[in-house]
Amino acid sequence: MKYIKILFVLVLLLNIAGCSKKEEKKEETKEENITETSGPIYCEITVKDYGTMKLELYPDIAPLTVENFVKLVKDGFYTDNRFHRIIDGFMIQGGMDTTGSVERIKGEFLSNGIVNDLKHTEGVISMARAKDPDSASSQFFIMVGDGSWLDGEYAAFGKVIEGYEVALQIAKDAKPIDNNGSIAQEDMPVIESIVIVEK
């Protein structure tokens, strides 16, 4: 009888331990699913003398890219940054890192092994990079034209949902000093701020 009681207690303890492990696994899975299925994140880019653009960012399409961008926004990295490369009918590019301190991230696009179906159409925001597919860091560009040749080669991660005319006007006013769209320092439109906002 004594052995039966001991055996019963052992079985009961094993069951409790098993249940708590299952609960832990359920919690972990739940947290992962929240990350994977989280909806859009919204931000506003205010450009001196031009106005504000509101953007929708898609962590479900490019999670590492959005996470990196949001971190830089919250750190105040983009405050007083500039649009340094502008090509009317194509894109406006900003977010240059003059300190060399911003980490590089994995390029989230098809030619780098990651599915990203967001097309480079007007108003889409994407990450600039060098030849290395994993060289994106802080520089981004907003499309002011269609660039289908960029699809699958650059990490698009959101789009302008309000104030697109601001980007168009910046592009229209630009006076590039070379064929690459470089803008003279004194003529670069100033990004007064980028902030995360509620929907």
N, C-alpha and C. Protein backbone atom coordinates (compact mmCIF):
# COMPACT_ATOMS: atom_id res chain seq x y z
N MET A 1 0.83 -1.21 0.00
CA MET A 1 0.00 0.00 0.00
C MET A 1 0.87 1.26 0.00
N LYS A 2 1.96 1.17 0.82
CA LYS A 2 2.89 2.29 0.92
C LYS A 2 3.52 2.58 -0.44
N TYR A 3 3.94 1.51 -1.17
CA TYR A 3 4.56 1.66 -2.48
C TYR A 3 3.58 2.24 -3.50
N ILE A 4 2.33 1.85 -3.39
CA ILE A 4 1.30 2.35 -4.32
C ILE A 4 1.13 3.86 -4.14
N LYS A 5 1.15 4.31 -2.87
CA LYS A 5 1.01 5.75 -2.58
C LYS A 5 2.19 6.52 -3.16
N ILE A 6 3.41 5.97 -2.94
CA ILE A 6 4.62 6.63 -3.46
C ILE A 6 4.56 6.71 -4.98
N LEU A 7 4.16 5.61 -5.61
CA LEU A 7 4.05 5.56 -7.06
C LEU A 7 3.04 6.58 -7.56
N PHE A 8 1.92 6.68 -6.86
CA PHE A 8 0.86 7.62 -7.22
C PHE A 8 1.38 9.06 -7.15
N VAL A 9 2.13 9.38 -6.07
CA VAL A 9 2.68 10.72 -5.89
C VAL A 9 3.67 11.05 -7.00
N LEU A 10 4.52 10.06 -7.36
CA LEU A 10 5.50 10.27 -8.43
C LEU A 10 4.82 10.55 -9.77
N VAL A 11 3.82 9.77 -10.09
CA VAL A 11 3.07 9.96 -11.34
C VAL A 11 2.42 11.36 -11.36
N LEU A 12 1.86 11.76 -10.23
CA LEU A 12 1.21 13.06 -10.10
C LEU A 12 2.22 14.19 -10.33
N LEU A 13 3.40 14.08 -9.72
CA LEU A 13 4.45 15.09 -9.88
C LEU A 13 4.93 15.20 -11.33
N LEU A 14 5.10 14.02 -11.98
CA LEU A 14 5.51 14.02 -13.38
C LEU A 14 4.48 14.70 -14.27
N ASN A 15 3.22 14.45 -14.00
CA ASN A 15 2.15 15.07 -14.77
C ASN A 15 2.14 16.59 -14.60
N ILE A 16 2.34 17.04 -13.36
CA ILE A 16 2.36 18.49 -13.09
C ILE A 16 3.52 19.14 -13.82
N ALA A 17 4.71 18.50 -13.75
CA ALA A 17 5.89 19.03 -14.44
C ALA A 17 5.66 19.11 -15.94
N GLY A 18 5.06 18.05 -16.49
CA GLY A 18 4.76 18.01 -17.93
C GLY A 18 3.80 19.10 -18.33
N CYS A 19 2.78 19.33 -17.51
CA CYS A 19 1.79 20.37 -17.81
C CYS A 19 2.44 21.76 -17.81
N SER A 20 3.32 22.00 -16.81
CA SER A 20 3.93 23.33 -16.75
C SER A 20 4.83 23.56 -17.95
N LYS A 21 5.52 22.50 -18.42
CA LYS A 21 6.35 22.64 -19.61
C LYS A 21 5.49 22.94 -20.83
N LYS A 22 4.33 22.26 -20.92
CA LYS A 22 3.42 22.51 -22.04
C LYS A 22 2.94 23.96 -22.00
N GLU A 23 2.64 24.45 -20.76
CA GLU A 23 2.17 25.83 -20.62
C GLU A 23 3.24 26.81 -21.08
N GLU A 24 4.53 26.52 -20.67
CA GLU A 24 5.63 27.38 -21.09
C GLU A 24 5.73 27.41 -22.61
N LYS A 25 5.63 26.23 -23.24
CA LYS A 25 5.71 26.15 -24.70
C LYS A 25 4.58 26.94 -25.34
N LYS A 26 3.36 26.82 -24.75
CA LYS A 26 2.23 27.56 -25.29
C LYS A 26 2.49 29.05 -25.24
N GLU A 27 3.05 29.53 -24.08
CA GLU A 27 3.34 30.95 -23.92
C GLU A 27 4.35 31.42 -24.95
N GLU A 28 5.43 30.62 -25.14
CA GLU A 28 6.46 30.97 -26.12
C GLU A 28 5.85 31.07 -27.51
N THR A 29 5.04 30.10 -27.87
CA THR A 29 4.42 30.08 -29.20
C THR A 29 3.52 31.29 -29.38
N LYS A 30 2.77 31.61 -28.30
CA LYS A 30 1.86 32.74 -28.37
C LYS A 30 2.64 34.03 -28.64
N GLU A 31 3.78 34.23 -27.93
CA GLU A 31 4.58 35.42 -28.11
C GLU A 31 5.14 35.49 -29.54
N GLU A 32 5.63 34.36 -30.05
CA GLU A 32 6.17 34.33 -31.40
C GLU A 32 5.10 34.70 -32.41
N ASN A 33 3.88 34.17 -32.21
CA ASN A 33 2.79 34.44 -33.15
C ASN A 33 2.40 35.92 -33.14
N ILE A 34 2.45 36.54 -31.94
CA ILE A 34 2.12 37.96 -31.85
C ILE A 34 3.10 38.76 -32.70
N THR A 35 4.39 38.42 -32.61
CA THR A 35 5.43 39.11 -33.38
C THR A 35 5.19 38.91 -34.87
N GLU A 36 4.92 37.67 -35.26
CA GLU A 36 4.76 37.35 -36.68
C GLU A 36 3.51 37.99 -37.28
N THR A 37 2.46 38.13 -36.49
CA THR A 37 1.20 38.60 -37.05
C THR A 37 0.89 40.04 -36.64
N SER A 38 1.88 40.73 -36.06
CA SER A 38 1.61 42.10 -35.64
C SER A 38 1.26 42.95 -36.86
N GLY A 39 0.34 43.88 -36.66
CA GLY A 39 -0.11 44.72 -37.77
C GLY A 39 0.88 45.82 -38.09
N PRO A 40 0.49 46.74 -38.97
CA PRO A 40 1.37 47.83 -39.38
C PRO A 40 1.78 48.73 -38.21
N ILE A 41 2.93 49.36 -38.36
CA ILE A 41 3.40 50.39 -37.43
C ILE A 41 3.37 51.69 -38.22
N TYR A 42 2.98 52.78 -37.56
CA TYR A 42 2.84 54.05 -38.25
C TYR A 42 3.91 55.05 -37.80
N CYS A 43 4.41 55.82 -38.75
CA CYS A 43 5.36 56.87 -38.40
C CYS A 43 5.09 58.10 -39.25
N GLU A 44 5.60 59.23 -38.78
CA GLU A 44 5.47 60.49 -39.52
C GLU A 44 6.86 61.09 -39.74
N ILE A 45 7.12 61.46 -40.98
CA ILE A 45 8.37 62.12 -41.35
C ILE A 45 8.05 63.58 -41.65
N THR A 46 8.63 64.48 -40.84
CA THR A 46 8.42 65.92 -41.05
C THR A 46 9.66 66.51 -41.68
N VAL A 47 9.48 67.16 -42.82
CA VAL A 47 10.58 67.75 -43.58
C VAL A 47 10.45 69.27 -43.55
N LYS A 48 11.51 69.94 -43.14
CA LYS A 48 11.50 71.39 -43.02
C LYS A 48 11.08 72.06 -44.33
N ASP A 49 10.15 73.00 -44.22
CA ASP A 49 9.63 73.78 -45.35
C ASP A 49 8.74 72.99 -46.31
N TYR A 50 8.50 71.70 -46.02
CA TYR A 50 7.69 70.89 -46.93
C TYR A 50 6.44 70.31 -46.27
N GLY A 51 6.55 69.84 -45.05
CA GLY A 51 5.38 69.25 -44.41
C GLY A 51 5.66 67.84 -43.90
N THR A 52 4.58 67.10 -43.69
CA THR A 52 4.68 65.79 -43.04
C THR A 52 4.10 64.68 -43.91
N MET A 53 4.81 63.56 -43.93
CA MET A 53 4.33 62.35 -44.59
C MET A 53 4.03 61.31 -43.51
N LYS A 54 2.92 60.65 -43.63
CA LYS A 54 2.60 59.54 -42.71
C LYS A 54 2.83 58.23 -43.45
N LEU A 55 3.53 57.32 -42.81
CA LEU A 55 3.85 56.03 -43.43
C LEU A 55 3.34 54.87 -42.61
N GLU A 56 3.05 53.79 -43.31
CA GLU A 56 2.63 52.52 -42.72
C GLU A 56 3.81 51.56 -42.95
N LEU A 57 4.33 50.98 -41.87
CA LEU A 57 5.46 50.05 -41.97
C LEU A 57 4.96 48.63 -41.74
N TYR A 58 5.54 47.65 -42.44
CA TYR A 58 5.02 46.29 -42.42
C TYR A 58 5.99 45.27 -41.82
N PRO A 59 5.92 45.04 -40.51
CA PRO A 59 6.80 44.05 -39.88
C PRO A 59 6.52 42.62 -40.34
N ASP A 60 5.33 42.38 -40.87
CA ASP A 60 5.03 41.03 -41.37
C ASP A 60 5.74 40.76 -42.70
N ILE A 61 6.15 41.81 -43.41
CA ILE A 61 6.85 41.65 -44.69
C ILE A 61 8.37 41.69 -44.49
N ALA A 62 8.83 42.65 -43.70
CA ALA A 62 10.28 42.81 -43.48
C ALA A 62 10.55 43.11 -42.01
N PRO A 63 10.45 42.10 -41.15
CA PRO A 63 10.54 42.32 -39.70
C PRO A 63 11.87 42.92 -39.22
N LEU A 64 12.99 42.45 -39.75
CA LEU A 64 14.30 42.98 -39.31
C LEU A 64 14.47 44.43 -39.75
N THR A 65 14.03 44.72 -40.96
CA THR A 65 14.14 46.07 -41.50
C THR A 65 13.30 47.05 -40.70
N VAL A 66 12.05 46.67 -40.42
CA VAL A 66 11.16 47.54 -39.64
C VAL A 66 11.70 47.72 -38.22
N GLU A 67 12.15 46.64 -37.61
CA GLU A 67 12.70 46.72 -36.26
C GLU A 67 13.89 47.68 -36.21
N ASN A 68 14.78 47.58 -37.19
CA ASN A 68 15.96 48.46 -37.25
C ASN A 68 15.55 49.92 -37.43
N PHE A 69 14.61 50.16 -38.36
CA PHE A 69 14.15 51.52 -38.65
C PHE A 69 13.49 52.14 -37.41
N VAL A 70 12.62 51.37 -36.77
CA VAL A 70 11.91 51.87 -35.58
C VAL A 70 12.90 52.17 -34.45
N LYS A 71 13.90 51.33 -34.28
CA LYS A 71 14.92 51.56 -33.24
C LYS A 71 15.64 52.88 -33.51
N LEU A 72 16.04 53.11 -34.77
CA LEU A 72 16.73 54.35 -35.11
C LEU A 72 15.83 55.57 -34.90
N VAL A 73 14.55 55.41 -35.24
CA VAL A 73 13.58 56.49 -35.01
C VAL A 73 13.51 56.82 -33.51
N LYS A 74 13.36 55.78 -32.68
CA LYS A 74 13.22 55.99 -31.23
C LYS A 74 14.51 56.54 -30.61
N ASP A 75 15.65 56.22 -31.22
CA ASP A 75 16.94 56.75 -30.74
C ASP A 75 17.17 58.19 -31.18
N GLY A 76 16.28 58.72 -32.03
CA GLY A 76 16.44 60.09 -32.53
C GLY A 76 17.47 60.24 -33.62
N PHE A 77 17.86 59.11 -34.21
CA PHE A 77 18.91 59.12 -35.24
C PHE A 77 18.57 60.04 -36.42
N TYR A 78 17.30 60.03 -36.85
CA TYR A 78 16.92 60.75 -38.06
C TYR A 78 16.64 62.24 -37.85
N THR A 79 16.62 62.69 -36.59
CA THR A 79 16.37 64.11 -36.33
C THR A 79 17.50 64.95 -36.93
N ASP A 80 17.13 65.93 -37.75
CA ASP A 80 18.07 66.81 -38.45
C ASP A 80 18.94 66.09 -39.48
N ASN A 81 18.55 64.88 -39.86
CA ASN A 81 19.19 64.19 -40.98
C ASN A 81 18.68 64.84 -42.27
N ARG A 82 19.14 64.40 -43.41
CA ARG A 82 18.75 65.07 -44.67
C ARG A 82 18.49 64.09 -45.81
N PHE A 83 17.74 64.56 -46.79
CA PHE A 83 17.60 63.83 -48.05
C PHE A 83 18.78 64.27 -48.91
N HIS A 84 19.74 63.36 -49.09
CA HIS A 84 21.01 63.72 -49.74
C HIS A 84 21.10 63.26 -51.20
N ARG A 85 20.17 62.42 -51.61
CA ARG A 85 20.17 61.91 -52.99
C ARG A 85 18.73 61.92 -53.50
N ILE A 86 18.49 62.64 -54.58
CA ILE A 86 17.12 62.82 -55.08
C ILE A 86 17.13 62.75 -56.61
N ILE A 87 16.25 61.90 -57.14
CA ILE A 87 16.08 61.82 -58.60
C ILE A 87 14.59 61.93 -58.89
N ASP A 88 14.19 63.04 -59.47
CA ASP A 88 12.78 63.27 -59.77
C ASP A 88 12.26 62.15 -60.69
N GLY A 89 11.08 61.65 -60.38
CA GLY A 89 10.51 60.55 -61.16
C GLY A 89 10.99 59.19 -60.70
N PHE A 90 11.89 59.16 -59.72
CA PHE A 90 12.42 57.89 -59.22
C PHE A 90 12.31 57.78 -57.70
N MET A 91 13.16 58.52 -56.93
CA MET A 91 13.11 58.38 -55.48
C MET A 91 13.80 59.55 -54.78
N ILE A 92 13.51 59.68 -53.47
CA ILE A 92 14.23 60.60 -52.59
C ILE A 92 14.86 59.75 -51.49
N GLN A 93 16.16 59.97 -51.22
CA GLN A 93 16.90 59.10 -50.30
C GLN A 93 17.50 59.91 -49.15
N GLY A 94 17.34 59.39 -47.94
CA GLY A 94 17.87 60.05 -46.75
C GLY A 94 18.39 59.03 -45.75
N GLY A 95 18.78 59.55 -44.57
CA GLY A 95 19.21 58.66 -43.49
C GLY A 95 20.68 58.31 -43.50
N MET A 96 21.52 59.17 -44.09
CA MET A 96 22.94 58.87 -44.14
C MET A 96 23.54 58.79 -42.73
N ASP A 97 24.39 57.78 -42.51
CA ASP A 97 25.08 57.61 -41.24
C ASP A 97 26.47 58.22 -41.35
N THR A 98 26.67 59.35 -40.71
CA THR A 98 27.98 60.01 -40.79
C THR A 98 28.92 59.53 -39.68
N THR A 99 28.40 58.74 -38.75
CA THR A 99 29.22 58.28 -37.62
C THR A 99 29.81 56.90 -37.85
N GLY A 100 29.18 56.13 -38.76
CA GLY A 100 29.63 54.76 -39.00
C GLY A 100 29.28 53.82 -37.85
N SER A 101 28.33 54.24 -37.01
CA SER A 101 28.00 53.45 -35.82
C SER A 101 26.76 52.57 -35.97
N VAL A 102 26.01 52.77 -37.05
CA VAL A 102 24.76 52.02 -37.22
C VAL A 102 25.06 50.61 -37.73
N GLU A 103 24.42 49.63 -37.09
CA GLU A 103 24.65 48.23 -37.46
C GLU A 103 24.05 47.92 -38.84
N ARG A 104 24.68 46.98 -39.52
CA ARG A 104 24.12 46.50 -40.79
C ARG A 104 23.12 45.39 -40.50
N ILE A 105 22.15 45.24 -41.41
CA ILE A 105 21.12 44.22 -41.22
C ILE A 105 21.01 43.33 -42.46
N LYS A 106 20.42 42.17 -42.27
CA LYS A 106 20.22 41.25 -43.38
C LYS A 106 19.22 41.84 -44.37
N GLY A 107 19.55 41.76 -45.65
CA GLY A 107 18.66 42.26 -46.69
C GLY A 107 17.45 41.34 -46.88
N GLU A 108 16.27 41.87 -46.62
CA GLU A 108 15.05 41.05 -46.70
C GLU A 108 14.40 41.19 -48.09
N PHE A 109 14.99 40.49 -49.06
CA PHE A 109 14.46 40.50 -50.42
C PHE A 109 14.81 39.17 -51.09
N LEU A 110 14.11 38.88 -52.17
CA LEU A 110 14.14 37.55 -52.79
C LEU A 110 15.53 37.09 -53.23
N SER A 111 16.32 37.98 -53.84
CA SER A 111 17.64 37.54 -54.32
C SER A 111 18.58 37.22 -53.16
N ASN A 112 18.16 37.57 -51.94
CA ASN A 112 18.94 37.26 -50.74
C ASN A 112 18.28 36.14 -49.94
N GLY A 113 17.34 35.44 -50.60
CA GLY A 113 16.74 34.27 -49.98
C GLY A 113 15.53 34.53 -49.10
N ILE A 114 14.98 35.75 -49.13
CA ILE A 114 13.82 36.08 -48.30
C ILE A 114 12.68 36.60 -49.18
N VAL A 115 11.52 36.01 -49.03
CA VAL A 115 10.35 36.44 -49.81
C VAL A 115 9.89 37.81 -49.32
N ASN A 116 9.75 38.75 -50.24
CA ASN A 116 9.25 40.09 -49.94
C ASN A 116 8.45 40.53 -51.16
N ASP A 117 7.13 40.51 -51.03
CA ASP A 117 6.25 40.78 -52.18
C ASP A 117 5.88 42.25 -52.37
N LEU A 118 6.41 43.13 -51.52
CA LEU A 118 6.07 44.54 -51.63
C LEU A 118 6.81 45.16 -52.81
N LYS A 119 6.06 45.65 -53.77
CA LYS A 119 6.63 46.19 -55.01
C LYS A 119 7.11 47.63 -54.83
N HIS A 120 8.12 48.00 -55.60
CA HIS A 120 8.66 49.36 -55.56
C HIS A 120 7.83 50.28 -56.47
N THR A 121 6.63 50.59 -55.98
CA THR A 121 5.74 51.51 -56.68
C THR A 121 5.75 52.85 -55.95
N GLU A 122 5.06 53.85 -56.52
CA GLU A 122 5.04 55.19 -55.93
C GLU A 122 4.63 55.16 -54.46
N GLY A 123 5.40 55.85 -53.63
CA GLY A 123 5.08 55.97 -52.21
C GLY A 123 5.68 54.90 -51.33
N VAL A 124 6.25 53.86 -51.91
CA VAL A 124 6.84 52.77 -51.11
C VAL A 124 8.18 53.21 -50.53
N ILE A 125 8.44 52.82 -49.28
CA ILE A 125 9.72 53.09 -48.64
C ILE A 125 10.55 51.80 -48.62
N SER A 126 11.82 51.93 -48.92
CA SER A 126 12.70 50.77 -49.04
C SER A 126 14.08 51.13 -48.49
N MET A 127 14.91 50.12 -48.26
CA MET A 127 16.25 50.35 -47.72
C MET A 127 17.29 50.44 -48.82
N ALA A 128 18.14 51.46 -48.73
CA ALA A 128 19.29 51.58 -49.63
C ALA A 128 20.38 50.64 -49.12
N ARG A 129 21.26 50.24 -50.02
CA ARG A 129 22.37 49.36 -49.63
C ARG A 129 23.49 49.49 -50.65
N ALA A 130 24.66 48.92 -50.29
CA ALA A 130 25.78 48.82 -51.23
C ALA A 130 25.66 47.50 -51.98
N LYS A 131 26.72 47.03 -52.64
CA LYS A 131 26.67 45.77 -53.39
C LYS A 131 26.36 44.58 -52.49
N ASP A 132 26.94 44.58 -51.30
CA ASP A 132 26.70 43.50 -50.34
C ASP A 132 25.21 43.48 -49.99
N PRO A 133 24.53 42.35 -50.19
CA PRO A 133 23.09 42.30 -49.91
C PRO A 133 22.73 42.56 -48.45
N ASP A 134 23.70 42.38 -47.56
CA ASP A 134 23.45 42.60 -46.13
C ASP A 134 24.13 43.88 -45.63
N SER A 135 24.16 44.90 -46.47
CA SER A 135 24.86 46.13 -46.11
C SER A 135 23.92 47.29 -45.75
N ALA A 136 22.62 47.06 -45.76
CA ALA A 136 21.68 48.14 -45.38
C ALA A 136 21.87 48.47 -43.91
N SER A 137 21.71 49.76 -43.58
CA SER A 137 21.83 50.16 -42.17
C SER A 137 20.78 51.21 -41.83
N SER A 138 21.01 52.45 -42.25
CA SER A 138 20.08 53.52 -41.88
C SER A 138 19.46 54.24 -43.08
N GLN A 139 20.10 54.14 -44.24
CA GLN A 139 19.60 54.89 -45.39
C GLN A 139 18.35 54.24 -45.99
N PHE A 140 17.37 55.08 -46.24
CA PHE A 140 16.10 54.62 -46.84
C PHE A 140 15.77 55.51 -48.03
N PHE A 141 14.88 55.03 -48.87
CA PHE A 141 14.41 55.87 -49.96
C PHE A 141 12.91 55.70 -50.13
N ILE A 142 12.26 56.78 -50.57
CA ILE A 142 10.83 56.77 -50.83
C ILE A 142 10.64 56.93 -52.34
N MET A 143 9.90 56.01 -52.92
CA MET A 143 9.69 56.03 -54.37
C MET A 143 8.78 57.19 -54.78
N VAL A 144 9.19 57.91 -55.83
CA VAL A 144 8.32 58.93 -56.43
C VAL A 144 8.10 58.57 -57.91
N GLY A 145 8.19 57.31 -58.18
CA GLY A 145 7.96 56.74 -59.50
C GLY A 145 7.95 55.23 -59.32
N ASP A 146 7.76 54.50 -60.38
CA ASP A 146 7.79 53.04 -60.28
C ASP A 146 9.20 52.53 -60.57
N GLY A 147 9.64 51.55 -59.81
CA GLY A 147 10.97 50.98 -59.99
C GLY A 147 10.94 49.48 -59.90
N SER A 148 10.26 48.85 -60.85
CA SER A 148 10.07 47.39 -60.80
C SER A 148 11.40 46.63 -60.81
N TRP A 149 12.47 47.23 -61.38
CA TRP A 149 13.77 46.56 -61.43
C TRP A 149 14.39 46.40 -60.03
N LEU A 150 13.82 47.12 -59.04
CA LEU A 150 14.31 47.02 -57.66
C LEU A 150 13.64 45.86 -56.90
N ASP A 151 12.52 45.38 -57.43
CA ASP A 151 11.78 44.29 -56.77
C ASP A 151 12.66 43.06 -56.65
N GLY A 152 12.71 42.49 -55.46
CA GLY A 152 13.51 41.30 -55.24
C GLY A 152 14.98 41.58 -54.99
N GLU A 153 15.37 42.88 -55.07
CA GLU A 153 16.78 43.28 -54.90
C GLU A 153 16.99 44.23 -53.72
N TYR A 154 15.92 44.87 -53.28
CA TYR A 154 15.98 45.81 -52.17
C TYR A 154 14.82 45.54 -51.21
N ALA A 155 15.02 45.86 -49.93
CA ALA A 155 14.03 45.53 -48.90
C ALA A 155 12.99 46.64 -48.74
N ALA A 156 11.91 46.54 -49.51
CA ALA A 156 10.77 47.44 -49.32
C ALA A 156 10.10 47.06 -48.00
N PHE A 157 9.66 48.07 -47.22
CA PHE A 157 9.12 47.72 -45.90
C PHE A 157 7.94 48.58 -45.45
N GLY A 158 7.40 49.42 -46.34
CA GLY A 158 6.25 50.23 -45.97
C GLY A 158 5.84 51.14 -47.11
N LYS A 159 4.90 52.05 -46.83
CA LYS A 159 4.50 53.00 -47.88
C LYS A 159 3.88 54.25 -47.26
N VAL A 160 3.93 55.33 -48.02
CA VAL A 160 3.32 56.59 -47.60
C VAL A 160 1.81 56.46 -47.75
N ILE A 161 1.08 56.79 -46.69
CA ILE A 161 -0.39 56.71 -46.76
C ILE A 161 -1.05 58.10 -46.68
N GLU A 162 -0.27 59.09 -46.25
CA GLU A 162 -0.75 60.48 -46.24
C GLU A 162 0.44 61.39 -46.53
N GLY A 163 0.20 62.47 -47.26
CA GLY A 163 1.25 63.46 -47.51
C GLY A 163 2.23 63.08 -48.60
N TYR A 164 1.82 62.21 -49.50
CA TYR A 164 2.72 61.81 -50.60
C TYR A 164 3.16 63.00 -51.44
N GLU A 165 2.32 64.04 -51.47
CA GLU A 165 2.66 65.24 -52.25
C GLU A 165 3.95 65.90 -51.73
N VAL A 166 4.27 65.66 -50.46
CA VAL A 166 5.51 66.20 -49.88
C VAL A 166 6.71 65.59 -50.60
N ALA A 167 6.70 64.28 -50.75
CA ALA A 167 7.79 63.59 -51.46
C ALA A 167 7.89 64.06 -52.90
N LEU A 168 6.75 64.22 -53.56
CA LEU A 168 6.74 64.68 -54.95
C LEU A 168 7.34 66.07 -55.09
N GLN A 169 7.00 66.95 -54.13
CA GLN A 169 7.52 68.33 -54.20
C GLN A 169 9.02 68.38 -53.94
N ILE A 170 9.48 67.56 -52.99
CA ILE A 170 10.92 67.47 -52.71
C ILE A 170 11.66 67.05 -53.98
N ALA A 171 11.13 66.05 -54.66
CA ALA A 171 11.76 65.55 -55.89
C ALA A 171 11.75 66.62 -56.99
N LYS A 172 10.64 67.33 -57.09
CA LYS A 172 10.48 68.35 -58.13
C LYS A 172 11.45 69.52 -57.92
N ASP A 173 11.66 69.90 -56.65
CA ASP A 173 12.52 71.05 -56.34
C ASP A 173 14.01 70.73 -56.38
N ALA A 174 14.35 69.45 -56.39
CA ALA A 174 15.76 69.04 -56.27
C ALA A 174 16.62 69.54 -57.42
N LYS A 175 17.87 69.87 -57.07
CA LYS A 175 18.85 70.29 -58.09
C LYS A 175 20.09 69.40 -57.94
N PRO A 176 20.03 68.19 -58.49
CA PRO A 176 21.19 67.27 -58.38
C PRO A 176 22.43 67.86 -59.03
N ILE A 177 23.59 67.54 -58.44
CA ILE A 177 24.84 68.05 -58.99
C ILE A 177 25.57 67.00 -59.84
N ASP A 178 24.96 65.81 -59.93
CA ASP A 178 25.54 64.78 -60.80
C ASP A 178 24.43 63.83 -61.27
N ASN A 179 24.79 62.84 -62.07
CA ASN A 179 23.81 61.90 -62.62
C ASN A 179 23.31 60.89 -61.58
N ASN A 180 23.94 60.87 -60.41
CA ASN A 180 23.55 59.95 -59.35
C ASN A 180 22.51 60.56 -58.41
N GLY A 181 22.14 61.81 -58.66
CA GLY A 181 21.14 62.46 -57.82
C GLY A 181 21.69 63.11 -56.56
N SER A 182 23.02 63.25 -56.46
CA SER A 182 23.62 63.88 -55.28
C SER A 182 23.17 65.32 -55.17
N ILE A 183 22.88 65.74 -53.93
CA ILE A 183 22.43 67.10 -53.67
C ILE A 183 23.50 67.83 -52.87
N ALA A 184 23.78 69.08 -53.23
CA ALA A 184 24.74 69.89 -52.47
C ALA A 184 24.25 70.04 -51.04
N GLN A 185 25.18 70.03 -50.09
CA GLN A 185 24.85 70.08 -48.65
C GLN A 185 23.83 71.16 -48.33
N GLU A 186 24.05 72.36 -48.86
CA GLU A 186 23.18 73.50 -48.52
C GLU A 186 21.78 73.37 -49.12
N ASP A 187 21.61 72.48 -50.09
CA ASP A 187 20.30 72.30 -50.73
C ASP A 187 19.56 71.03 -50.29
N MET A 188 20.16 70.26 -49.39
CA MET A 188 19.52 69.02 -48.94
C MET A 188 18.32 69.32 -48.05
N PRO A 189 17.13 68.81 -48.39
CA PRO A 189 15.97 68.99 -47.52
C PRO A 189 16.22 68.34 -46.15
N VAL A 190 15.89 69.09 -45.09
CA VAL A 190 16.18 68.64 -43.72
C VAL A 190 15.01 67.85 -43.15
N ILE A 191 15.32 66.65 -42.63
CA ILE A 191 14.33 65.85 -41.92
C ILE A 191 14.29 66.37 -40.48
N GLU A 192 13.26 67.13 -40.15
CA GLU A 192 13.17 67.68 -38.80
C GLU A 192 12.97 66.58 -37.76
N SER A 193 12.16 65.60 -38.14
CA SER A 193 11.93 64.48 -37.20
C SER A 193 11.25 63.32 -37.92
N ILE A 194 11.46 62.14 -37.34
CA ILE A 194 10.63 60.97 -37.67
C ILE A 194 10.17 60.43 -36.34
N VAL A 195 8.87 60.25 -36.21
CA VAL A 195 8.31 59.76 -34.94
C VAL A 195 7.33 58.62 -35.20
N ILE A 196 7.25 57.71 -34.24
CA ILE A 196 6.25 56.64 -34.29
C ILE A 196 4.95 57.21 -33.74
N VAL A 197 3.84 56.93 -34.43
CA VAL A 197 2.54 57.48 -34.03
C VAL A 197 1.49 56.38 -33.97
N GLU A 198 0.37 56.71 -33.35
CA GLU A 198 -0.77 55.81 -33.36
C GLU A 198 -1.43 55.87 -34.72
N LYS A 199 -2.23 54.88 -35.02
CA LYS A 199 -2.94 54.83 -36.31
C LYS A 199 -3.77 56.08 -36.50
